[in-house]
N, C-alpha and C. Protein backbone atom coordinates (compact mmCIF):
# COMPACT_ATOMS: atom_id res chain seq x y z
N UNK A 1 0.83 -1.20 0.00
CA UNK A 1 0.00 0.00 0.00
C UNK A 1 0.86 1.25 0.00
N UNK A 2 1.93 1.23 0.76
CA UNK A 2 2.82 2.38 0.85
C UNK A 2 3.43 2.71 -0.51
N UNK A 3 3.67 1.67 -1.34
CA UNK A 3 4.25 1.91 -2.65
C UNK A 3 3.28 2.59 -3.60
N UNK A 4 1.98 2.46 -3.35
CA UNK A 4 0.98 3.02 -4.23
C UNK A 4 0.74 4.50 -3.99
N UNK A 5 1.18 5.03 -2.85
CA UNK A 5 0.98 6.45 -2.57
C UNK A 5 1.89 7.28 -3.45
N UNK A 6 1.43 8.45 -3.79
CA UNK A 6 2.20 9.36 -4.63
C UNK A 6 3.47 9.79 -3.91
N UNK A 7 4.49 10.07 -4.70
CA UNK A 7 5.75 10.55 -4.12
C UNK A 7 5.57 11.93 -3.50
N UNK A 8 4.55 12.66 -3.92
CA UNK A 8 4.32 14.00 -3.42
C UNK A 8 3.56 14.01 -2.10
N UNK A 9 3.04 12.87 -1.68
CA UNK A 9 2.27 12.80 -0.44
C UNK A 9 3.23 12.70 0.74
N UNK A 10 3.23 13.70 1.62
CA UNK A 10 4.17 13.65 2.76
C UNK A 10 3.74 12.63 3.79
N UNK A 11 4.71 12.12 4.56
CA UNK A 11 4.38 11.21 5.65
C UNK A 11 4.56 11.90 7.00
N UNK A 12 4.95 13.18 6.99
CA UNK A 12 5.10 13.98 8.21
C UNK A 12 4.38 15.31 8.02
N UNK A 13 3.88 15.84 9.11
CA UNK A 13 3.30 17.18 9.07
C UNK A 13 4.43 18.18 8.83
N UNK A 14 4.31 19.05 7.84
CA UNK A 14 5.38 20.02 7.57
C UNK A 14 5.53 21.07 8.67
N UNK A 15 4.53 21.20 9.53
CA UNK A 15 4.56 22.22 10.57
C UNK A 15 5.17 21.70 11.87
N UNK A 16 4.68 20.55 12.36
CA UNK A 16 5.15 20.06 13.66
C UNK A 16 5.98 18.79 13.56
N UNK A 17 6.01 18.13 12.40
CA UNK A 17 6.80 16.92 12.23
C UNK A 17 6.11 15.67 12.73
N UNK A 18 4.85 15.76 13.12
CA UNK A 18 4.09 14.60 13.58
C UNK A 18 3.93 13.62 12.42
N UNK A 19 4.15 12.33 12.66
CA UNK A 19 4.04 11.33 11.61
C UNK A 19 2.57 11.08 11.29
N UNK A 20 2.24 11.15 9.99
CA UNK A 20 0.88 10.89 9.55
C UNK A 20 0.67 9.39 9.41
N UNK A 21 -0.50 8.92 9.82
CA UNK A 21 -0.81 7.51 9.68
C UNK A 21 -0.99 7.18 8.20
N UNK A 22 -0.96 5.91 7.89
CA UNK A 22 -1.15 5.48 6.51
C UNK A 22 -2.52 5.93 6.00
N UNK A 23 -3.53 5.85 6.85
CA UNK A 23 -4.88 6.28 6.47
C UNK A 23 -4.90 7.78 6.18
N UNK A 24 -4.22 8.57 7.00
CA UNK A 24 -4.16 10.02 6.77
C UNK A 24 -3.44 10.32 5.46
N UNK A 25 -2.41 9.56 5.15
CA UNK A 25 -1.69 9.76 3.89
C UNK A 25 -2.58 9.44 2.70
N UNK A 26 -3.40 8.39 2.82
CA UNK A 26 -4.33 8.05 1.74
C UNK A 26 -5.35 9.16 1.57
N UNK A 27 -5.91 9.65 2.68
CA UNK A 27 -6.88 10.75 2.60
C UNK A 27 -6.26 11.99 1.97
N UNK A 28 -5.03 12.28 2.33
CA UNK A 28 -4.34 13.45 1.78
C UNK A 28 -4.09 13.29 0.29
N UNK A 29 -3.75 12.09 -0.15
CA UNK A 29 -3.50 11.88 -1.57
C UNK A 29 -4.79 11.98 -2.39
N UNK A 30 -5.93 11.65 -1.78
CA UNK A 30 -7.20 11.70 -2.50
C UNK A 30 -7.82 13.09 -2.41
N UNK A 31 -7.93 13.63 -1.21
CA UNK A 31 -8.62 14.91 -0.99
C UNK A 31 -7.73 16.12 -1.20
N UNK A 32 -6.41 15.94 -1.16
CA UNK A 32 -5.42 17.01 -1.34
C UNK A 32 -5.40 18.00 -0.18
N UNK A 33 -6.17 17.73 0.91
CA UNK A 33 -6.15 18.57 2.09
C UNK A 33 -6.41 17.72 3.32
N UNK A 34 -5.69 18.05 4.42
CA UNK A 34 -5.85 17.32 5.67
C UNK A 34 -5.44 18.24 6.80
N UNK A 35 -6.07 18.10 7.96
CA UNK A 35 -5.70 18.87 9.14
C UNK A 35 -4.94 17.95 10.08
N UNK A 36 -3.75 18.37 10.49
CA UNK A 36 -2.92 17.59 11.41
C UNK A 36 -3.64 17.48 12.75
N UNK A 37 -3.70 16.27 13.29
CA UNK A 37 -4.38 16.06 14.58
C UNK A 37 -3.55 16.59 15.74
N UNK A 38 -2.25 16.79 15.53
CA UNK A 38 -1.38 17.23 16.61
C UNK A 38 -1.39 18.76 16.77
N UNK A 39 -1.20 19.48 15.68
CA UNK A 39 -1.07 20.95 15.79
C UNK A 39 -2.18 21.71 15.06
N UNK A 40 -3.11 21.02 14.44
CA UNK A 40 -4.22 21.61 13.72
C UNK A 40 -3.78 22.44 12.51
N UNK A 41 -2.61 22.13 11.98
CA UNK A 41 -2.11 22.79 10.78
C UNK A 41 -2.82 22.21 9.56
N UNK A 42 -3.27 23.06 8.66
CA UNK A 42 -3.96 22.60 7.46
C UNK A 42 -2.92 22.29 6.38
N UNK A 43 -2.81 21.02 6.02
CA UNK A 43 -1.88 20.58 4.98
C UNK A 43 -2.65 20.55 3.67
N UNK A 44 -2.20 21.36 2.72
CA UNK A 44 -2.85 21.44 1.42
C UNK A 44 -1.82 21.13 0.35
N UNK A 45 -2.11 20.15 -0.49
CA UNK A 45 -1.21 19.79 -1.58
C UNK A 45 -1.66 20.49 -2.84
N UNK A 46 -0.69 20.97 -3.61
CA UNK A 46 -0.99 21.57 -4.90
C UNK A 46 -1.40 20.46 -5.86
N UNK A 47 -2.31 20.75 -6.79
CA UNK A 47 -2.68 19.73 -7.77
C UNK A 47 -1.48 19.40 -8.65
N UNK A 48 -1.38 18.16 -9.10
CA UNK A 48 -0.25 17.79 -9.95
C UNK A 48 -0.27 18.59 -11.24
N UNK A 49 0.91 19.01 -11.67
CA UNK A 49 1.01 19.80 -12.90
C UNK A 49 0.87 18.89 -14.11
N UNK A 50 0.14 19.37 -15.10
CA UNK A 50 -0.01 18.61 -16.33
C UNK A 50 1.21 18.83 -17.21
N UNK A 51 1.49 17.85 -18.00
CA UNK A 51 2.55 17.96 -18.98
C UNK A 51 2.09 18.97 -20.04
N UNK A 52 2.89 20.01 -20.36
CA UNK A 52 2.45 21.02 -21.33
C UNK A 52 2.07 20.41 -22.68
N UNK A 53 2.79 19.40 -23.12
CA UNK A 53 2.48 18.76 -24.39
C UNK A 53 1.13 18.07 -24.32
N UNK A 54 0.81 17.52 -23.16
CA UNK A 54 -0.44 16.82 -22.98
C UNK A 54 -1.62 17.79 -23.03
N UNK A 55 -1.48 18.97 -22.43
CA UNK A 55 -2.57 19.94 -22.42
C UNK A 55 -2.81 20.48 -23.84
N UNK A 56 -1.76 20.65 -24.64
CA UNK A 56 -1.94 21.10 -26.01
C UNK A 56 -2.68 20.05 -26.83
N UNK A 57 -2.37 18.78 -26.59
CA UNK A 57 -3.05 17.70 -27.30
C UNK A 57 -4.52 17.67 -26.92
N UNK A 58 -4.82 17.87 -25.64
CA UNK A 58 -6.21 17.88 -25.19
C UNK A 58 -6.99 19.04 -25.80
N UNK A 59 -6.36 20.20 -25.95
CA UNK A 59 -7.01 21.36 -26.56
C UNK A 59 -7.35 21.07 -28.02
N UNK A 60 -6.41 20.42 -28.74
CA UNK A 60 -6.64 20.11 -30.13
C UNK A 60 -7.79 19.11 -30.27
N UNK A 61 -7.87 18.15 -29.35
CA UNK A 61 -8.92 17.14 -29.42
C UNK A 61 -10.29 17.78 -29.18
N UNK A 62 -10.39 18.74 -28.29
CA UNK A 62 -11.68 19.34 -27.97
C UNK A 62 -12.09 20.37 -29.01
N UNK A 63 -11.12 20.97 -29.70
CA UNK A 63 -11.45 22.02 -30.68
C UNK A 63 -11.98 21.46 -31.98
N UNK A 64 -11.56 20.27 -32.35
CA UNK A 64 -12.07 19.89 -33.63
C UNK A 64 -11.74 18.57 -34.08
């Protein structure tokens, strides 16, 4: 299960260093936001960036 989590999903709170449980990491990877139970810090992940070439291809597909 740990291997399936995104590399961008932290396993520690960036504010207090409290270790996030596996369930909290899964919630964070899905919802992109979580509140640390230790310090009440709101952890918000940025959405993954799209590949610029991929977005151009998608625009061409939708245009015509």
